[in-house]
Every structure is written in structure tokens, then in C-alpha cells.
Amino acid sequence: MSTQCYKIADCASFRKTSEQFGALSNMCRGFPLVIDGKTVWSSEALYQSYKFPDEPVIRDAILRERNPKYAKNIAERYAGIARRDWKTVRVTMMWRALGRKVRQHPDAIRAILQLTGDNPIVEDSPWDTFWGCERVGDNFVGENVLGRLWMIMRTMVMTSDLSMEMPPPFVIDDMLAEIVAGEDDAKSV
């Protein structure tokens, strides 16, 4: 995985869901998803549920949780029985969760992504430099995988019909292919 460095002043960043670009956070409420006729209250809950495909009781508890932080807490409580290949598939699973959020809230997400312009999208996260970046002086430094996924999504949102299924991440873009390849490299070390 490659560390990225972005000038803070040049970024469309988010740390809190109440900020201008906060809707790009999986922790943001107000973007419920309907899956198989059932309401999932956040993309975070959907993402966390993917960790437990063989544990329906845990998965369903996560999916029913209205508070994204509580959904994450449930998943963390059962981390020891999460799918074994999670580190290998987590980027693909995040892509799926983001794709659902975009397809089910196309106007709102398109408007937010338009506001980001061509600026790098960065999750300002000092505690998670895989999905986001920490502040180091005037820069954001980290892998920024969530931000990089949103930048790919931004390109797709601005140029395609959002009613269609999002293509799988390994065919989208060289940048995402690099992210997924980095996951495989990290697994083999």
C-alpha cells in the first residue's frame, strides 16, 4: 500500500459528519439504504456486516443498528470470528457499500462530489491512516483509501448513469487496481 501526501489547503476533507463533505463519511446518518426490502441505516452498517457472511445473527444485528458507531462497535466485538479473508476483501466491500450509497442517493451524493471539484478527497483521521490520513504540518499523510475510492467514484458519478450496477473495483481504474494489489501484497508479507 502506498502512503499519499496531500496539501491540506488543496483538499476536500472531512472528519465530522456535520462538515461540508461529512456526507462522504460512512458514519454520516441520513443516507439509509434499502437492501432486499429492509432498511440499513448507514453505509457503515452495511460495510461492517460484510465481515460476517456466515454469522447471520451478528450480521443482522449490525444491519438493524440505526447508529453507525454502534454498528461498528458490534462488528469490533465479534472481530475474532469475522471472515478470515477480510483484509483481502475489505476494499472491495467498501466499494460495494459506497456504490449502494451513491445509487440510492444519487442527487445528494452527486451534489457533494461536485462541490469537491478536482480536489483530492481525504478523510481527516489521525486514528486510521489506512482509510484516511493524519495531519502532519501542512499536509495530510496516509493511505487515504476511502478518499481514493471517493475520487474514483466522483469520476464515475460525473460521467455515468447511476441506476446501473457499479462495475467491480478491479476493472474501474488503475488507481483502485493499485489499492487492491497493495492489499494482496500486504497479505503475503
Protein backbone atom coordinates (compact mmCIF):
# COMPACT_ATOMS: atom_id res chain seq x y z
CA MET A 1 0.00 0.00 0.00
CA SER A 2 1.33 3.40 -0.79
CA THR A 3 1.33 6.38 1.51
CA GLN A 4 -0.15 9.52 -0.01
CA CYS A 5 0.66 13.14 0.82
CA TYR A 6 -1.75 16.00 0.14
CA LYS A 7 -1.57 19.71 0.93
CA ILE A 8 -4.34 20.32 3.46
CA ALA A 9 -5.30 23.62 1.81
CA ASP A 10 -5.93 21.84 -1.52
CA CYS A 11 -8.20 19.08 -0.16
CA ALA A 12 -11.89 18.42 0.18
CA SER A 13 -11.59 16.79 3.57
CA PHE A 14 -13.98 15.52 6.20
CA ARG A 15 -13.59 14.48 9.80
CA LYS A 16 -17.02 15.14 11.25
CA THR A 17 -20.29 14.27 9.57
CA SER A 18 -21.55 17.81 10.14
CA GLU A 19 -18.80 19.32 7.97
CA GLN A 20 -19.25 20.36 4.33
CA PHE A 21 -18.09 17.00 2.97
CA GLY A 22 -19.17 14.96 6.00
CA ALA A 23 -21.75 13.04 3.98
CA LEU A 24 -18.84 11.15 2.43
CA SER A 25 -18.19 9.55 5.81
CA ASN A 26 -19.72 6.13 6.40
CA MET A 27 -20.64 7.46 9.83
CA CYS A 28 -23.00 10.02 8.31
CA ARG A 29 -26.65 9.46 9.08
CA GLY A 30 -29.35 10.46 6.66
CA PHE A 31 -28.42 8.07 3.85
CA PRO A 32 -30.36 4.90 4.66
CA LEU A 33 -30.10 2.02 2.23
CA VAL A 34 -32.83 -0.39 1.25
CA ILE A 35 -31.48 -3.87 0.67
CA ASP A 36 -33.79 -6.80 0.00
CA GLY A 37 -36.70 -4.69 1.21
CA LYS A 38 -35.06 -3.92 4.56
CA THR A 39 -33.67 -0.58 5.70
CA VAL A 40 -29.98 -0.42 6.57
CA TRP A 41 -29.38 2.88 8.34
CA SER A 42 -25.84 3.66 7.14
CA SER A 43 -23.16 2.60 4.71
CA GLU A 44 -21.02 1.87 7.79
CA ALA A 45 -23.51 -0.75 8.97
CA LEU A 46 -23.55 -2.31 5.51
CA TYR A 47 -19.75 -2.32 5.31
CA GLN A 48 -19.38 -3.85 8.79
CA SER A 49 -22.00 -6.52 8.02
CA TYR A 50 -19.85 -7.81 5.15
CA LYS A 51 -17.40 -9.13 7.76
CA PHE A 52 -19.89 -11.79 8.83
CA PRO A 53 -21.37 -13.59 5.81
CA ASP A 54 -21.59 -16.86 7.77
CA GLU A 55 -22.89 -15.32 11.01
CA PRO A 56 -26.47 -14.23 10.29
CA VAL A 57 -27.32 -13.24 13.87
CA ILE A 58 -24.32 -10.88 14.10
CA ARG A 59 -24.76 -9.61 10.56
CA ASP A 60 -28.45 -8.86 11.13
CA ALA A 61 -27.75 -7.08 14.44
CA ILE A 62 -25.27 -4.84 12.63
CA LEU A 63 -27.68 -4.17 9.77
CA ARG A 64 -30.52 -3.23 12.16
CA GLU A 65 -28.40 -0.74 14.11
CA ARG A 66 -29.51 2.86 13.49
CA ASN A 67 -26.32 4.40 14.86
CA PRO A 68 -23.29 3.83 12.59
CA LYS A 69 -20.86 3.90 15.53
CA TYR A 70 -22.86 1.24 17.35
CA ALA A 71 -22.90 -0.89 14.20
CA LYS A 72 -19.12 -0.65 14.10
CA ASN A 73 -18.92 -1.48 17.81
CA ILE A 74 -20.90 -4.69 17.28
CA ALA A 75 -18.52 -5.72 14.49
CA GLU A 76 -15.49 -4.94 16.66
CA ARG A 77 -16.92 -7.03 19.50
CA TYR A 78 -17.00 -10.07 17.18
CA ALA A 79 -13.80 -9.34 15.24
CA GLY A 80 -12.37 -12.72 16.24
CA ILE A 81 -14.96 -14.55 14.16
CA ALA A 82 -15.01 -12.21 11.17
CA ARG A 83 -14.32 -13.72 7.78
CA ARG A 84 -10.69 -14.79 7.53
CA ASP A 85 -10.07 -13.06 4.22
CA TRP A 86 -11.30 -9.67 5.48
CA LYS A 87 -8.04 -7.80 4.89
CA THR A 88 -8.03 -9.11 1.33
CA VAL A 89 -11.62 -8.14 0.52
CA ARG A 90 -12.21 -5.04 2.66
CA VAL A 91 -11.52 -2.53 -0.12
CA THR A 92 -13.91 -4.32 -2.46
CA MET A 93 -16.53 -4.43 0.30
CA MET A 94 -16.11 -0.70 0.94
CA TRP A 95 -16.52 -0.09 -2.79
CA ARG A 96 -19.80 -2.05 -2.69
CA ALA A 97 -21.08 -0.06 0.29
CA LEU A 98 -20.19 3.27 -1.35
CA GLY A 99 -21.77 2.14 -4.61
CA ARG A 100 -25.05 1.41 -2.84
CA LYS A 101 -24.96 4.80 -1.13
CA VAL A 102 -24.38 6.53 -4.47
CA ARG A 103 -27.05 4.57 -6.35
CA GLN A 104 -29.68 5.09 -3.67
CA HIS A 105 -28.93 8.78 -3.07
CA PRO A 106 -27.63 9.90 -6.48
CA ASP A 107 -28.68 13.56 -6.40
CA ALA A 108 -27.34 14.26 -2.90
CA ILE A 109 -24.06 12.42 -3.45
CA ARG A 110 -23.54 13.93 -6.90
CA ALA A 111 -24.05 17.42 -5.43
CA ILE A 112 -21.50 16.78 -2.68
CA LEU A 113 -18.97 15.29 -5.09
CA GLN A 114 -19.43 18.27 -7.44
CA LEU A 115 -18.55 20.57 -4.56
CA THR A 116 -15.21 18.76 -4.18
CA GLY A 117 -14.23 19.94 -7.66
CA ASP A 118 -10.99 18.30 -8.74
CA ASN A 119 -9.54 18.49 -5.24
CA PRO A 120 -8.22 15.41 -3.51
CA ILE A 121 -10.84 13.91 -1.20
CA VAL A 122 -9.36 13.00 2.17
CA GLU A 123 -10.78 11.53 5.35
CA ASP A 124 -9.05 13.50 8.11
CA SER A 125 -8.43 10.64 10.51
CA PRO A 126 -5.50 10.62 12.93
CA TRP A 127 -6.54 7.18 14.21
CA ASP A 128 -6.84 5.39 10.85
CA THR A 129 -4.27 6.16 8.18
CA PHE A 130 -5.36 3.20 6.06
CA TRP A 131 -8.80 4.62 5.24
CA GLY A 132 -7.78 8.23 5.82
CA CYS A 133 -4.83 10.49 6.60
CA GLU A 134 -3.38 12.21 9.61
CA ARG A 135 -2.26 15.84 9.70
CA VAL A 136 1.50 16.32 9.52
CA GLY A 137 2.30 20.01 9.39
CA ASP A 138 0.51 21.47 6.36
CA ASN A 139 -0.12 18.05 4.84
CA PHE A 140 -2.39 15.06 5.11
CA VAL A 141 -0.33 11.84 5.15
CA GLY A 142 -1.72 8.31 4.93
CA GLU A 143 -3.01 5.72 2.52
CA ASN A 144 -6.37 7.51 2.21
CA VAL A 145 -8.10 4.51 0.69
CA LEU A 146 -11.59 5.85 1.43
CA GLY A 147 -10.72 9.20 -0.14
CA ARG A 148 -9.19 7.48 -3.15
CA LEU A 149 -12.33 5.36 -3.60
CA TRP A 150 -14.45 8.52 -3.47
CA MET A 151 -12.23 10.17 -6.09
CA ILE A 152 -12.79 7.21 -8.42
CA MET A 153 -16.50 7.29 -7.60
CA ARG A 154 -16.56 11.04 -8.33
CA THR A 155 -15.25 10.42 -11.85
CA MET A 156 -17.87 7.73 -12.42
CA VAL A 157 -20.71 9.77 -10.91
CA MET A 158 -19.98 12.72 -13.16
CA THR A 159 -19.87 10.60 -16.31
CA SER A 160 -22.34 7.73 -15.94
CA ASP A 161 -25.87 6.57 -15.30
CA LEU A 162 -26.13 5.89 -11.57
CA SER A 163 -29.03 3.49 -11.93
CA MET A 164 -26.65 0.86 -13.27
CA GLU A 165 -24.69 -1.53 -11.08
CA MET A 166 -21.21 -0.22 -10.34
CA PRO A 167 -18.54 -2.31 -12.04
CA PRO A 168 -16.31 -4.35 -9.75
CA PRO A 169 -13.33 -2.37 -8.48
CA PHE A 170 -10.65 -4.33 -10.29
CA VAL A 171 -11.88 -3.08 -13.67
CA ILE A 172 -12.55 0.54 -12.80
CA ASP A 173 -9.30 2.33 -12.72
CA ASP A 174 -5.57 1.85 -12.34
CA MET A 175 -5.67 3.64 -9.01
CA LEU A 176 -8.14 1.19 -7.50
CA ALA A 177 -6.27 -1.72 -9.05
CA GLU A 178 -3.21 -0.42 -7.21
CA ILE A 179 -5.16 -0.30 -3.94
CA VAL A 180 -6.40 -3.87 -4.35
CA ALA A 181 -2.94 -5.08 -5.43
CA GLY A 182 -1.48 -3.43 -2.35
CA GLU A 183 -3.92 -5.40 -0.21
CA ASP A 184 -2.64 -8.62 -1.76
CA ASP A 185 0.98 -7.55 -1.24
CA ALA A 186 0.31 -6.76 2.42
CA LYS A 187 -1.30 -10.19 2.89
CA SER A 188 1.71 -12.03 1.52
CA VAL A 189 4.27 -10.28 3.75
